[in-house]
Amino acid sequence: MAFAYSETAQTIRQVLGSVLRARREAARRTLSEIAAEAGLSPAHLSEVERGRKEVSTERLIAVAHALGVRPAEIYAELARLLGAQPEQHAWPDDPPVKLRLATASLPLEALRSVADFSAYLAMANPPPKPKDRIGFSPRR
């Protein structure tokens, strides 16, 4: 089966390795630190970062957790570097569903900040008091 856009396994290994290395360097962590936290040898992680060895899903997840990122972020970066176009999703009309989608990727601390700020806004700006209807007088 032929695909319109296909990369070799070697290309994907190299790009994935570069993503992992860039994330590790951005976190200012050593190869040994990440390897130890992920349960890998530094030599094996080095080979993965250079695109010379495959990495299992379990080990990739362990490396992602050691780096402090979600595995989905690594896959998204891999997809972007391989030329994937981001999909355009329409927001649902249901406000609770929209809120759930918007906050799904937020870290817990950011979510807490949003909740605290929302509570502050609600207290600082109470809703207006209902006014008497025009044309009606209260019964006495």
N, C-alpha and C. Protein backbone atom coordinates (compact mmCIF):
# COMPACT_ATOMS: atom_id res chain seq x y z
N MET A 1 0.86 -1.17 0.00
CA MET A 1 0.00 0.00 0.00
C MET A 1 0.91 1.23 0.00
N ALA A 2 0.70 2.13 -0.95
CA ALA A 2 1.50 3.34 -1.06
C ALA A 2 0.77 4.50 -0.41
N PHE A 3 1.51 5.37 0.24
CA PHE A 3 0.96 6.55 0.88
C PHE A 3 1.46 7.78 0.16
N ALA A 4 0.67 8.83 0.14
CA ALA A 4 1.07 10.07 -0.53
C ALA A 4 2.27 10.69 0.18
N TYR A 5 2.25 10.68 1.49
CA TYR A 5 3.35 11.22 2.26
C TYR A 5 3.88 10.11 3.15
N SER A 6 5.09 9.67 2.90
CA SER A 6 5.62 8.63 3.76
C SER A 6 7.06 8.95 4.11
N GLU A 7 7.39 8.67 5.33
CA GLU A 7 8.73 8.85 5.83
C GLU A 7 9.30 7.48 6.12
N THR A 8 10.60 7.41 6.16
CA THR A 8 11.22 6.14 6.51
C THR A 8 11.22 6.01 8.03
N ALA A 9 11.38 4.78 8.49
CA ALA A 9 11.46 4.55 9.93
C ALA A 9 12.67 5.29 10.51
N GLN A 10 13.74 5.33 9.75
CA GLN A 10 14.96 6.03 10.20
C GLN A 10 14.68 7.53 10.40
N THR A 11 13.95 8.14 9.48
CA THR A 11 13.61 9.57 9.60
C THR A 11 12.77 9.81 10.85
N ILE A 12 11.80 8.96 11.08
CA ILE A 12 10.94 9.13 12.25
C ILE A 12 11.74 8.95 13.53
N ARG A 13 12.63 7.97 13.57
CA ARG A 13 13.48 7.78 14.76
C ARG A 13 14.35 9.01 15.00
N GLN A 14 14.92 9.57 13.93
CA GLN A 14 15.79 10.74 14.09
C GLN A 14 15.01 11.96 14.57
N VAL A 15 13.84 12.18 14.02
CA VAL A 15 13.03 13.33 14.43
C VAL A 15 12.55 13.16 15.86
N LEU A 16 12.10 11.96 16.21
CA LEU A 16 11.68 11.71 17.59
C LEU A 16 12.84 11.92 18.55
N GLY A 17 13.99 11.42 18.19
CA GLY A 17 15.18 11.62 19.03
C GLY A 17 15.52 13.08 19.21
N SER A 18 15.38 13.86 18.13
CA SER A 18 15.68 15.29 18.23
C SER A 18 14.67 16.01 19.12
N VAL A 19 13.41 15.55 19.08
CA VAL A 19 12.38 16.13 19.96
C VAL A 19 12.74 15.85 21.42
N LEU A 20 13.11 14.61 21.71
CA LEU A 20 13.45 14.24 23.09
C LEU A 20 14.68 15.01 23.56
N ARG A 21 15.69 15.11 22.72
CA ARG A 21 16.90 15.83 23.10
C ARG A 21 16.59 17.31 23.33
N ALA A 22 15.82 17.92 22.44
CA ALA A 22 15.49 19.34 22.60
C ALA A 22 14.71 19.57 23.88
N ARG A 23 13.77 18.69 24.20
CA ARG A 23 13.00 18.82 25.44
C ARG A 23 13.91 18.67 26.66
N ARG A 24 14.82 17.72 26.60
CA ARG A 24 15.74 17.50 27.72
C ARG A 24 16.64 18.70 27.92
N GLU A 25 17.19 19.23 26.82
CA GLU A 25 18.08 20.39 26.92
C GLU A 25 17.31 21.63 27.38
N ALA A 26 16.09 21.78 26.92
CA ALA A 26 15.27 22.92 27.35
C ALA A 26 14.99 22.86 28.85
N ALA A 27 14.88 21.64 29.37
CA ALA A 27 14.64 21.45 30.81
C ALA A 27 15.94 21.53 31.61
N ARG A 28 17.07 21.68 30.88
CA ARG A 28 18.40 21.74 31.51
C ARG A 28 18.68 20.52 32.37
N ARG A 29 18.35 19.37 31.80
CA ARG A 29 18.57 18.10 32.48
C ARG A 29 19.62 17.31 31.72
N THR A 30 20.36 16.50 32.45
CA THR A 30 21.39 15.68 31.80
C THR A 30 20.78 14.38 31.30
N LEU A 31 21.50 13.78 30.39
CA LEU A 31 21.09 12.49 29.84
C LEU A 31 20.99 11.46 30.97
N SER A 32 21.95 11.48 31.87
CA SER A 32 21.96 10.52 32.98
C SER A 32 20.77 10.71 33.91
N GLU A 33 20.39 11.95 34.19
CA GLU A 33 19.25 12.22 35.07
C GLU A 33 17.96 11.67 34.48
N ILE A 34 17.71 12.00 33.23
CA ILE A 34 16.47 11.56 32.58
C ILE A 34 16.46 10.05 32.44
N ALA A 35 17.59 9.48 32.04
CA ALA A 35 17.66 8.02 31.87
C ALA A 35 17.37 7.31 33.19
N ALA A 36 17.95 7.80 34.29
CA ALA A 36 17.73 7.18 35.60
C ALA A 36 16.26 7.25 36.00
N GLU A 37 15.63 8.42 35.80
CA GLU A 37 14.23 8.57 36.17
C GLU A 37 13.31 7.71 35.30
N ALA A 38 13.71 7.50 34.05
CA ALA A 38 12.88 6.74 33.13
C ALA A 38 13.18 5.25 33.17
N GLY A 39 14.19 4.85 33.94
CA GLY A 39 14.54 3.44 34.04
C GLY A 39 15.30 2.92 32.83
N LEU A 40 16.06 3.79 32.19
CA LEU A 40 16.87 3.41 31.03
C LEU A 40 18.35 3.62 31.34
N SER A 41 19.19 3.02 30.54
CA SER A 41 20.61 3.33 30.68
C SER A 41 20.88 4.61 29.90
N PRO A 42 21.85 5.41 30.33
CA PRO A 42 22.19 6.62 29.58
C PRO A 42 22.60 6.30 28.14
N ALA A 43 23.28 5.18 27.95
CA ALA A 43 23.71 4.79 26.61
C ALA A 43 22.51 4.53 25.71
N HIS A 44 21.50 3.85 26.24
CA HIS A 44 20.31 3.56 25.44
C HIS A 44 19.57 4.85 25.08
N LEU A 45 19.39 5.75 26.07
CA LEU A 45 18.71 7.01 25.81
C LEU A 45 19.49 7.84 24.79
N SER A 46 20.81 7.81 24.88
CA SER A 46 21.64 8.52 23.91
C SER A 46 21.40 7.99 22.50
N GLU A 47 21.31 6.67 22.37
CA GLU A 47 21.07 6.06 21.06
C GLU A 47 19.68 6.45 20.53
N VAL A 48 18.70 6.53 21.43
CA VAL A 48 17.35 6.95 21.03
C VAL A 48 17.38 8.40 20.57
N GLU A 49 18.06 9.27 21.32
CA GLU A 49 18.13 10.68 20.96
C GLU A 49 18.83 10.89 19.62
N ARG A 50 19.75 10.02 19.27
CA ARG A 50 20.46 10.14 17.98
C ARG A 50 19.74 9.42 16.86
N GLY A 51 18.59 8.81 17.16
CA GLY A 51 17.79 8.15 16.14
C GLY A 51 18.34 6.80 15.70
N ARG A 52 19.17 6.22 16.53
CA ARG A 52 19.78 4.94 16.18
C ARG A 52 19.04 3.74 16.74
N LYS A 53 18.21 3.97 17.77
CA LYS A 53 17.46 2.87 18.37
C LYS A 53 15.99 3.24 18.48
N GLU A 54 15.16 2.21 18.40
CA GLU A 54 13.72 2.36 18.62
C GLU A 54 13.47 2.55 20.11
N VAL A 55 12.35 3.15 20.42
CA VAL A 55 11.94 3.27 21.82
C VAL A 55 10.51 2.75 21.91
N SER A 56 10.27 1.90 22.89
CA SER A 56 8.92 1.36 23.07
C SER A 56 8.00 2.45 23.62
N THR A 57 6.73 2.23 23.48
CA THR A 57 5.75 3.19 24.00
C THR A 57 5.91 3.35 25.50
N GLU A 58 6.12 2.23 26.21
CA GLU A 58 6.28 2.30 27.67
C GLU A 58 7.49 3.16 28.04
N ARG A 59 8.59 2.98 27.33
CA ARG A 59 9.79 3.76 27.65
C ARG A 59 9.64 5.21 27.22
N LEU A 60 8.95 5.45 26.13
CA LEU A 60 8.71 6.83 25.70
C LEU A 60 7.86 7.56 26.75
N ILE A 61 6.86 6.89 27.27
CA ILE A 61 6.03 7.49 28.33
C ILE A 61 6.87 7.78 29.56
N ALA A 62 7.75 6.86 29.92
CA ALA A 62 8.62 7.07 31.08
C ALA A 62 9.54 8.26 30.87
N VAL A 63 10.08 8.41 29.66
CA VAL A 63 10.95 9.54 29.35
C VAL A 63 10.15 10.84 29.41
N ALA A 64 8.95 10.83 28.85
CA ALA A 64 8.09 12.02 28.88
C ALA A 64 7.82 12.44 30.32
N HIS A 65 7.48 11.49 31.17
CA HIS A 65 7.21 11.82 32.58
C HIS A 65 8.47 12.35 33.25
N ALA A 66 9.62 11.77 32.94
CA ALA A 66 10.88 12.26 33.52
C ALA A 66 11.16 13.69 33.06
N LEU A 67 10.75 14.01 31.84
CA LEU A 67 10.93 15.37 31.31
C LEU A 67 9.87 16.34 31.82
N GLY A 68 8.81 15.79 32.43
CA GLY A 68 7.74 16.64 32.94
C GLY A 68 6.78 17.12 31.86
N VAL A 69 6.64 16.34 30.78
CA VAL A 69 5.71 16.69 29.71
C VAL A 69 4.76 15.53 29.47
N ARG A 70 3.63 15.86 28.87
CA ARG A 70 2.68 14.81 28.52
C ARG A 70 3.17 14.12 27.25
N PRO A 71 3.00 12.82 27.15
CA PRO A 71 3.40 12.12 25.92
C PRO A 71 2.75 12.71 24.68
N ALA A 72 1.53 13.21 24.81
CA ALA A 72 0.85 13.81 23.66
C ALA A 72 1.62 15.01 23.12
N GLU A 73 2.30 15.75 23.98
CA GLU A 73 3.09 16.89 23.53
C GLU A 73 4.26 16.43 22.67
N ILE A 74 4.85 15.32 23.05
CA ILE A 74 5.97 14.78 22.26
C ILE A 74 5.46 14.32 20.90
N TYR A 75 4.34 13.60 20.90
CA TYR A 75 3.77 13.15 19.63
C TYR A 75 3.35 14.33 18.76
N ALA A 76 2.78 15.38 19.37
CA ALA A 76 2.36 16.55 18.61
C ALA A 76 3.56 17.25 17.98
N GLU A 77 4.64 17.37 18.73
CA GLU A 77 5.86 17.98 18.19
C GLU A 77 6.43 17.13 17.06
N LEU A 78 6.42 15.82 17.24
CA LEU A 78 6.88 14.90 16.20
C LEU A 78 6.04 15.09 14.94
N ALA A 79 4.73 15.14 15.09
CA ALA A 79 3.83 15.32 13.95
C ALA A 79 4.09 16.65 13.25
N ARG A 80 4.29 17.71 14.04
CA ARG A 80 4.55 19.02 13.45
C ARG A 80 5.84 19.01 12.64
N LEU A 81 6.89 18.41 13.20
CA LEU A 81 8.18 18.36 12.51
C LEU A 81 8.14 17.48 11.27
N LEU A 82 7.24 16.51 11.25
CA LEU A 82 7.10 15.65 10.08
C LEU A 82 6.16 16.24 9.04
N GLY A 83 5.63 17.43 9.33
CA GLY A 83 4.83 18.14 8.34
C GLY A 83 3.33 18.04 8.47
N ALA A 84 2.84 17.53 9.59
CA ALA A 84 1.39 17.43 9.76
C ALA A 84 0.80 18.83 9.88
N GLN A 85 -0.36 19.00 9.30
CA GLN A 85 -1.08 20.26 9.39
C GLN A 85 -2.06 20.17 10.55
N PRO A 86 -2.08 21.17 11.41
CA PRO A 86 -3.03 21.11 12.53
C PRO A 86 -4.46 21.14 12.01
N GLU A 87 -5.29 20.33 12.61
CA GLU A 87 -6.70 20.28 12.23
C GLU A 87 -7.43 21.45 12.85
N GLN A 88 -8.38 21.95 12.13
CA GLN A 88 -9.22 23.04 12.63
C GLN A 88 -10.49 22.43 13.22
N HIS A 89 -10.66 22.57 14.52
CA HIS A 89 -11.84 22.03 15.18
C HIS A 89 -12.79 23.17 15.50
N ALA A 90 -14.05 22.96 15.26
CA ALA A 90 -15.06 23.95 15.62
C ALA A 90 -15.40 23.75 17.09
N TRP A 91 -15.60 24.86 17.78
CA TRP A 91 -15.98 24.79 19.18
C TRP A 91 -17.43 24.35 19.28
N PRO A 92 -17.74 23.48 20.24
CA PRO A 92 -19.13 23.08 20.42
C PRO A 92 -19.94 24.25 20.98
N ASP A 93 -21.25 24.20 20.80
CA ASP A 93 -22.13 25.26 21.30
C ASP A 93 -22.39 25.14 22.80
N ASP A 94 -22.26 23.95 23.35
CA ASP A 94 -22.57 23.70 24.76
C ASP A 94 -21.46 24.29 25.64
N PRO A 95 -21.75 25.33 26.46
CA PRO A 95 -20.72 25.97 27.28
C PRO A 95 -19.95 25.01 28.20
N PRO A 96 -20.60 24.06 28.90
CA PRO A 96 -19.82 23.16 29.75
C PRO A 96 -18.84 22.30 28.94
N VAL A 97 -19.25 21.87 27.75
CA VAL A 97 -18.35 21.07 26.91
C VAL A 97 -17.20 21.94 26.42
N LYS A 98 -17.50 23.17 26.03
CA LYS A 98 -16.47 24.10 25.57
C LYS A 98 -15.45 24.36 26.68
N LEU A 99 -15.93 24.55 27.90
CA LEU A 99 -15.05 24.79 29.04
C LEU A 99 -14.17 23.57 29.30
N ARG A 100 -14.76 22.37 29.24
CA ARG A 100 -14.00 21.14 29.45
C ARG A 100 -12.88 21.00 28.42
N LEU A 101 -13.18 21.29 27.16
CA LEU A 101 -12.17 21.20 26.11
C LEU A 101 -11.08 22.25 26.29
N ALA A 102 -11.48 23.46 26.66
CA ALA A 102 -10.51 24.54 26.80
C ALA A 102 -9.56 24.31 27.97
N THR A 103 -10.01 23.65 29.01
CA THR A 103 -9.18 23.47 30.19
C THR A 103 -8.50 22.10 30.25
N ALA A 104 -8.78 21.23 29.29
CA ALA A 104 -8.24 19.87 29.33
C ALA A 104 -6.72 19.84 29.30
N SER A 105 -6.10 20.78 28.62
CA SER A 105 -4.65 20.74 28.49
C SER A 105 -3.93 21.62 29.51
N LEU A 106 -4.68 22.27 30.38
CA LEU A 106 -4.04 23.14 31.37
C LEU A 106 -3.43 22.33 32.51
N PRO A 107 -2.23 22.71 32.95
CA PRO A 107 -1.68 22.08 34.14
C PRO A 107 -2.56 22.43 35.35
N LEU A 108 -2.47 21.62 36.38
CA LEU A 108 -3.34 21.80 37.56
C LEU A 108 -3.18 23.19 38.18
N GLU A 109 -1.97 23.71 38.28
CA GLU A 109 -1.76 25.03 38.87
C GLU A 109 -2.41 26.12 38.04
N ALA A 110 -2.32 26.02 36.73
CA ALA A 110 -2.96 27.01 35.86
C ALA A 110 -4.47 26.94 36.00
N LEU A 111 -5.00 25.74 36.10
CA LEU A 111 -6.44 25.56 36.27
C LEU A 111 -6.91 26.17 37.59
N ARG A 112 -6.11 25.99 38.63
CA ARG A 112 -6.44 26.60 39.92
C ARG A 112 -6.44 28.13 39.82
N SER A 113 -5.46 28.69 39.11
CA SER A 113 -5.40 30.14 38.94
C SER A 113 -6.62 30.66 38.20
N VAL A 114 -7.04 29.97 37.16
CA VAL A 114 -8.23 30.37 36.42
C VAL A 114 -9.46 30.31 37.34
N ALA A 115 -9.59 29.25 38.12
CA ALA A 115 -10.73 29.12 39.04
C ALA A 115 -10.71 30.22 40.09
N ASP A 116 -9.54 30.52 40.66
CA ASP A 116 -9.44 31.58 41.67
C ASP A 116 -9.81 32.94 41.07
N PHE A 117 -9.31 33.21 39.86
CA PHE A 117 -9.61 34.49 39.22
C PHE A 117 -11.10 34.60 38.89
N SER A 118 -11.69 33.49 38.45
CA SER A 118 -13.12 33.49 38.14
C SER A 118 -13.94 33.77 39.40
N ALA A 119 -13.54 33.17 40.52
CA ALA A 119 -14.24 33.42 41.79
C ALA A 119 -14.09 34.88 42.20
N TYR A 120 -12.90 35.44 42.02
CA TYR A 120 -12.67 36.85 42.34
C TYR A 120 -13.58 37.75 41.50
N LEU A 121 -13.64 37.49 40.18
CA LEU A 121 -14.50 38.30 39.31
C LEU A 121 -15.96 38.20 39.72
N ALA A 122 -16.40 37.01 40.09
CA ALA A 122 -17.79 36.83 40.50
C ALA A 122 -18.10 37.62 41.77
N MET A 123 -17.16 37.69 42.70
CA MET A 123 -17.38 38.43 43.95
C MET A 123 -17.23 39.93 43.73
N ALA A 124 -16.31 40.35 42.87
CA ALA A 124 -16.07 41.77 42.64
C ALA A 124 -17.16 42.41 41.80
N ASN A 125 -17.82 41.64 40.97
CA ASN A 125 -18.86 42.17 40.09
C ASN A 125 -20.15 41.37 40.28
N PRO A 126 -20.86 41.61 41.38
CA PRO A 126 -22.09 40.84 41.59
C PRO A 126 -23.11 41.19 40.50
N PRO A 127 -24.00 40.26 40.21
CA PRO A 127 -25.01 40.55 39.19
C PRO A 127 -25.92 41.68 39.65
N PRO A 128 -26.46 42.45 38.71
CA PRO A 128 -27.34 43.56 39.11
C PRO A 128 -28.60 43.04 39.79
N LYS A 129 -29.11 43.85 40.69
CA LYS A 129 -30.34 43.48 41.39
C LYS A 129 -31.52 43.62 40.44
N PRO A 130 -32.49 42.73 40.54
CA PRO A 130 -33.64 42.84 39.63
C PRO A 130 -34.42 44.12 39.92
N LYS A 131 -34.86 44.75 38.84
CA LYS A 131 -35.63 45.99 38.97
C LYS A 131 -37.12 45.65 38.89
N ASP A 132 -37.93 46.56 39.43
CA ASP A 132 -39.38 46.37 39.31
C ASP A 132 -39.76 46.45 37.83
N ARG A 133 -40.72 45.64 37.47
CA ARG A 133 -41.19 45.68 36.10
C ARG A 133 -41.97 46.96 35.84
N ILE A 134 -41.84 47.44 34.66
CA ILE A 134 -42.57 48.65 34.27
C ILE A 134 -44.05 48.27 34.12
N GLY A 135 -44.90 49.10 34.66
CA GLY A 135 -46.33 48.88 34.52
C GLY A 135 -46.93 48.02 35.63
N PHE A 136 -46.13 47.52 36.51
CA PHE A 136 -46.65 46.72 37.60
C PHE A 136 -46.24 47.38 38.91
N SER A 137 -47.15 47.40 39.81
CA SER A 137 -46.82 47.92 41.13
C SER A 137 -46.88 46.75 42.11
N PRO A 138 -46.04 46.78 43.08
CA PRO A 138 -46.06 45.68 44.04
C PRO A 138 -47.36 45.67 44.82
N ARG A 139 -47.87 44.47 45.11
CA ARG A 139 -49.11 44.34 45.87
C ARG A 139 -48.83 44.64 47.33
N ARG A 140 -49.84 45.26 47.93
CA ARG A 140 -49.66 45.58 49.35
C ARG A 140 -50.76 45.00 50.14
